[in-house]
Amino acid sequence: MKQFGVLVISHGSRSREWVRLVDEAVADVRLPEGVPVFSSFLEIVEGRLIQDGIVTLEAQGVTDIIVIPLFVSSGSTHIDEISYALGVIPEPSLPTDMERFAIRARIHFASPIDDDPTIAEVVYRNIEPLSEDPAREIVVLIGHGSAEKGFHQRWKMGLERLAERIRELGGFAAGDIAMLLPNQVPDVMQRWQERKPDGTVIVAPLFLSEGYFTSEVIPERLEGFRYRYNGKALLPDPLISRWMERQLAVFWEK
């Protein structure tokens, strides 16, 4: 008989606030009675790493672990190496120091955020206070990105679809994207400044939690351009917990 358990994996941070926001979102996930959940991290958070989560769940009798990768893009190289280490794929696409985990339970791997409509709603709610005249506004969605072949394309596809969802939600004149890696921000901002000099660019960061990238890196890349920005990340927002519930529902129904 199957005994399900849930393992949420996010990147990890030295910031206690970052970890707290993730843990609160995981704790708010509504699960069937008797299904344990463990909030784990790729690195940094001692005692809360992926192997710690596997051991803890298996000790509770879990035979089937549903893994939720709490990352914003399937283009993240971390998704690739985690998939390999969990035995979901036979080999990683890129070299990795990550070794295979010790696992007895069966692994069921869910999807990262990508262009999920629930996440589009979160981003739109974050930037809505910045909007005054949507018909004259351009939303530029900024994500971390990747310069690696294949991974870059996955980032691009997910960001573009998400930007279009946000554009439709707000009735904006246009939606565009820019990655930090490679640095596309100056070129994108310059293009809209020339194409719509009377328009207003609203910058929307696609990051799980506020921190170094939202407060320092993005403003630095935007220096010299006109824009509106409040630096709001996906967390805290109850819709992130609802997104995780939808990811899990696919497996309950099997």
Protein backbone atom coordinates (compact mmCIF):
# COMPACT_ATOMS: atom_id res chain seq x y z
CA MET A 1 0.00 0.00 0.00
CA LYS A 2 1.29 3.43 -0.94
CA GLN A 3 2.10 5.94 1.77
CA PHE A 4 2.66 9.35 0.22
CA GLY A 5 4.90 12.07 1.57
CA VAL A 6 5.76 15.48 0.13
CA LEU A 7 9.27 16.88 -0.28
CA VAL A 8 9.41 20.55 -1.25
CA ILE A 9 12.83 21.61 -2.55
CA SER A 10 13.90 25.24 -2.85
CA HIS A 11 17.31 26.83 -3.24
CA GLY A 12 18.11 27.94 0.29
CA SER A 13 19.54 31.16 1.64
CA ARG A 14 21.56 32.51 4.55
CA SER A 15 18.67 34.87 5.19
CA ARG A 16 16.42 33.55 7.96
CA GLU A 17 13.58 35.64 6.52
CA TRP A 18 13.96 33.91 3.13
CA VAL A 19 13.77 30.48 4.77
CA ARG A 20 10.86 31.57 6.99
CA LEU A 21 8.76 32.68 4.01
CA VAL A 22 9.31 29.37 2.22
CA ASP A 23 8.51 27.37 5.36
CA GLU A 24 5.31 29.32 5.95
CA ALA A 25 4.15 28.72 2.37
CA VAL A 26 4.84 24.98 2.74
CA ALA A 27 3.11 24.85 6.13
CA ASP A 28 0.00 26.43 4.55
CA VAL A 29 -0.35 23.65 1.97
CA ARG A 30 -3.53 21.64 2.56
CA LEU A 31 -2.75 17.93 2.44
CA PRO A 32 -4.80 14.75 2.81
CA GLU A 33 -4.82 13.47 6.38
CA GLY A 34 -1.72 11.50 7.29
CA VAL A 35 0.50 12.84 4.46
CA PRO A 36 3.72 14.30 5.92
CA VAL A 37 5.60 17.17 4.28
CA PHE A 38 9.22 18.29 4.59
CA SER A 39 10.52 21.68 3.44
CA SER A 40 14.08 21.09 2.20
CA PHE A 41 16.79 23.19 0.60
CA LEU A 42 19.42 22.61 -2.05
CA GLU A 43 22.15 24.14 0.08
CA ILE A 44 23.11 26.28 3.07
CA VAL A 45 20.28 25.42 5.52
CA GLU A 46 21.87 22.91 7.92
CA GLY A 47 19.72 19.93 8.86
CA ARG A 48 17.22 20.80 6.14
CA LEU A 49 18.96 19.52 3.02
CA ILE A 50 17.36 17.19 0.48
CA GLN A 51 18.82 14.02 1.99
CA ASP A 52 17.57 15.12 5.43
CA GLY A 53 14.08 15.35 3.98
CA ILE A 54 14.26 11.93 2.34
CA VAL A 55 15.46 10.29 5.57
CA THR A 56 12.78 12.03 7.64
CA LEU A 57 9.93 11.06 5.31
CA GLU A 58 11.07 7.45 4.93
CA ALA A 59 11.35 7.15 8.73
CA GLN A 60 7.62 8.00 8.84
CA GLY A 61 6.81 5.04 6.58
CA VAL A 62 6.61 6.98 3.31
CA THR A 63 6.88 4.72 0.24
CA ASP A 64 6.19 7.37 -2.40
CA ILE A 65 7.68 10.87 -2.26
CA ILE A 66 6.14 13.61 -4.35
CA VAL A 67 8.83 16.20 -5.01
CA ILE A 68 7.80 19.81 -5.62
CA PRO A 69 10.72 21.82 -7.09
CA LEU A 70 9.99 25.32 -5.78
CA PHE A 71 11.97 27.02 -8.54
CA VAL A 72 10.67 29.59 -11.01
CA SER A 73 11.87 27.91 -14.21
CA SER A 74 12.47 24.48 -15.68
CA GLY A 75 15.45 26.20 -17.30
CA SER A 76 17.22 26.27 -13.94
CA THR A 77 20.30 24.05 -14.02
CA HIS A 78 19.42 23.11 -10.44
CA ILE A 79 16.31 21.28 -11.71
CA ASP A 80 18.55 19.18 -13.93
CA GLU A 81 21.02 18.21 -11.20
CA ILE A 82 18.31 17.57 -8.61
CA SER A 83 16.47 15.34 -11.10
CA TYR A 84 19.65 13.36 -11.64
CA ALA A 85 20.45 13.05 -7.94
CA LEU A 86 16.91 11.79 -7.26
CA GLY A 87 17.14 9.22 -10.06
CA VAL A 88 14.47 10.90 -12.18
CA ILE A 89 16.87 11.18 -15.15
CA PRO A 90 19.80 8.81 -15.86
CA GLU A 91 22.43 11.49 -16.45
CA PRO A 92 22.66 15.27 -15.90
CA SER A 93 22.85 17.53 -18.95
CA LEU A 94 25.70 19.47 -17.37
CA PRO A 95 28.57 18.39 -15.10
CA THR A 96 27.54 18.44 -11.43
CA ASP A 97 29.15 17.75 -8.06
CA MET A 98 25.83 16.49 -6.75
CA GLU A 99 25.81 12.76 -6.05
CA ARG A 100 22.87 10.39 -6.10
CA PHE A 101 20.79 10.47 -2.93
CA ALA A 102 20.18 7.38 -0.83
CA ILE A 103 16.50 6.66 -1.51
CA ARG A 104 14.27 3.65 -0.86
CA ALA A 105 10.96 5.37 -1.68
CA ARG A 106 9.62 5.89 -5.20
CA ILE A 107 10.06 9.47 -6.48
CA HIS A 108 7.32 11.37 -8.28
CA PHE A 109 8.67 14.64 -9.67
CA ALA A 110 6.34 17.61 -10.14
CA SER A 111 6.97 20.69 -12.30
CA PRO A 112 8.55 24.04 -11.40
CA ILE A 113 6.62 27.30 -11.78
CA ASP A 114 7.31 28.27 -15.42
CA ASP A 115 4.23 30.05 -16.87
CA ASP A 116 1.61 28.81 -14.43
CA PRO A 117 -1.49 31.08 -14.49
CA THR A 118 -1.61 31.22 -10.68
CA ILE A 119 1.89 32.70 -10.65
CA ALA A 120 0.91 35.21 -13.33
CA GLU A 121 -1.82 36.37 -10.96
CA VAL A 122 0.70 36.75 -8.12
CA VAL A 123 3.03 38.85 -10.27
CA TYR A 124 0.16 40.97 -11.55
CA ARG A 125 -1.09 41.67 -8.02
CA ASN A 126 2.44 42.72 -7.08
CA ILE A 127 2.74 45.29 -9.86
CA GLU A 128 -0.89 46.44 -10.01
CA PRO A 129 -0.28 49.35 -7.57
CA LEU A 130 2.36 50.69 -9.99
CA SER A 131 -0.07 50.85 -12.90
CA GLU A 132 -1.87 54.09 -13.77
CA ASP A 133 -2.66 53.81 -17.48
CA PRO A 134 -2.22 50.19 -18.69
CA ALA A 135 -2.76 51.09 -22.34
CA ARG A 136 0.48 53.11 -22.22
CA GLU A 137 2.47 50.71 -20.03
CA ILE A 138 4.95 47.95 -20.87
CA VAL A 139 5.60 45.17 -18.37
CA VAL A 140 9.15 43.83 -18.41
CA LEU A 141 9.44 40.54 -16.54
CA ILE A 142 12.97 39.96 -15.22
CA GLY A 143 14.22 36.51 -14.24
CA HIS A 144 17.60 35.09 -13.31
CA GLY A 145 18.03 33.21 -16.58
CA SER A 146 20.81 30.96 -17.84
CA ALA A 147 23.47 31.25 -20.52
CA GLU A 148 23.61 27.46 -20.96
CA LYS A 149 22.35 26.06 -24.25
CA GLY A 150 18.94 24.47 -23.87
CA PHE A 151 18.45 25.91 -20.41
CA HIS A 152 18.41 29.43 -21.86
CA GLN A 153 15.66 28.42 -24.27
CA ARG A 154 13.55 26.94 -21.45
CA TRP A 155 13.93 30.11 -19.42
CA LYS A 156 12.97 32.20 -22.45
CA MET A 157 9.88 30.14 -23.28
CA GLY A 158 8.56 30.19 -19.72
CA LEU A 159 9.21 33.90 -19.20
CA GLU A 160 7.61 34.87 -22.50
CA ARG A 161 4.44 32.89 -21.80
CA LEU A 162 4.22 34.26 -18.27
CA ALA A 163 4.75 37.84 -19.50
CA GLU A 164 1.90 37.39 -21.97
CA ARG A 165 -0.40 36.11 -19.22
CA ILE A 166 0.46 39.17 -17.09
CA ARG A 167 -0.09 41.51 -20.06
CA GLU A 168 -3.55 40.04 -20.60
CA LEU A 169 -4.46 40.23 -16.91
CA GLY A 170 -3.64 43.93 -16.70
CA GLY A 171 -4.57 45.01 -20.21
CA PHE A 172 -1.05 46.37 -20.71
CA ALA A 173 0.19 47.69 -24.05
CA ALA A 174 2.97 45.08 -24.17
CA GLY A 175 4.81 42.45 -22.20
CA ASP A 176 8.50 41.69 -22.56
CA ILE A 177 11.22 39.75 -20.76
CA ALA A 178 14.84 40.15 -19.75
CA MET A 179 17.27 37.78 -18.09
CA LEU A 180 20.06 38.71 -15.73
CA LEU A 181 22.14 35.86 -17.14
CA PRO A 182 23.02 36.73 -19.82
CA ASN A 183 22.47 40.42 -19.04
CA GLN A 184 19.62 41.46 -21.33
CA VAL A 185 18.23 44.26 -19.18
CA PRO A 186 19.96 47.31 -20.77
CA ASP A 187 19.12 46.22 -24.34
CA VAL A 188 15.46 45.55 -23.52
CA MET A 189 15.06 48.84 -21.66
CA GLN A 190 16.78 50.79 -24.42
CA ARG A 191 14.55 49.18 -27.05
CA TRP A 192 11.35 50.23 -25.28
CA GLN A 193 12.68 53.70 -24.57
CA GLU A 194 13.21 54.15 -28.31
CA ARG A 195 10.07 52.31 -29.47
CA LYS A 196 7.64 53.93 -27.02
CA PRO A 197 9.26 57.11 -25.66
CA ASP A 198 5.94 58.21 -24.15
CA GLY A 199 5.26 54.83 -22.60
CA THR A 200 6.02 53.69 -19.06
CA VAL A 201 7.97 50.54 -18.27
CA ILE A 202 6.85 48.58 -15.20
CA VAL A 203 9.49 46.11 -14.09
CA ALA A 204 8.30 42.86 -12.51
CA PRO A 205 10.90 40.59 -10.84
CA LEU A 206 10.34 36.84 -11.02
CA PHE A 207 12.05 35.67 -7.83
CA LEU A 208 10.75 33.48 -5.05
CA SER A 209 11.64 35.90 -2.27
CA GLU A 210 13.00 39.42 -1.96
CA GLY A 211 16.72 39.72 -1.41
CA TYR A 212 20.00 40.46 -3.17
CA PHE A 213 18.69 40.12 -6.72
CA THR A 214 15.51 42.14 -6.21
CA SER A 215 17.05 44.88 -4.07
CA GLU A 216 20.52 45.26 -5.59
CA VAL A 217 21.16 43.46 -8.88
CA ILE A 218 18.01 44.49 -10.76
CA PRO A 219 18.17 48.20 -9.73
CA GLU A 220 21.84 48.27 -10.77
CA ARG A 221 21.02 46.85 -14.21
CA LEU A 222 18.21 49.42 -14.60
CA GLU A 223 20.39 52.41 -13.78
CA GLY A 224 19.92 55.29 -16.22
CA PHE A 225 16.47 54.20 -17.43
CA ARG A 226 12.97 55.40 -16.56
CA TYR A 227 10.79 52.75 -14.96
CA ARG A 228 8.50 51.84 -12.08
CA TYR A 229 9.54 49.10 -9.69
CA ASN A 230 8.70 47.99 -6.18
CA GLY A 231 10.86 44.87 -5.94
CA LYS A 232 8.03 42.60 -4.78
CA ALA A 233 8.77 38.88 -5.08
CA LEU A 234 6.39 35.90 -5.18
CA LEU A 235 6.48 35.33 -1.42
CA PRO A 236 4.67 35.98 0.79
CA ASP A 237 1.44 35.15 -1.03
CA PRO A 238 -1.13 32.42 -0.19
CA LEU A 239 -1.43 31.62 -3.89
CA ILE A 240 2.00 29.96 -3.77
CA SER A 241 0.56 27.38 -1.37
CA ARG A 242 -2.43 26.95 -3.67
CA TRP A 243 -0.03 26.39 -6.59
CA MET A 244 1.70 23.61 -4.62
CA GLU A 245 -1.67 22.01 -3.88
CA ARG A 246 -2.48 21.97 -7.60
CA GLN A 247 0.86 20.35 -8.34
CA LEU A 248 0.12 17.63 -5.80
CA ALA A 249 -3.46 17.04 -6.99
CA VAL A 250 -2.14 15.47 -10.18
CA PHE A 251 -0.59 12.66 -8.13
CA TRP A 252 -3.52 12.10 -5.76
CA GLU A 253 -5.69 11.50 -8.81
CA LYS A 254 -3.44 8.78 -10.30
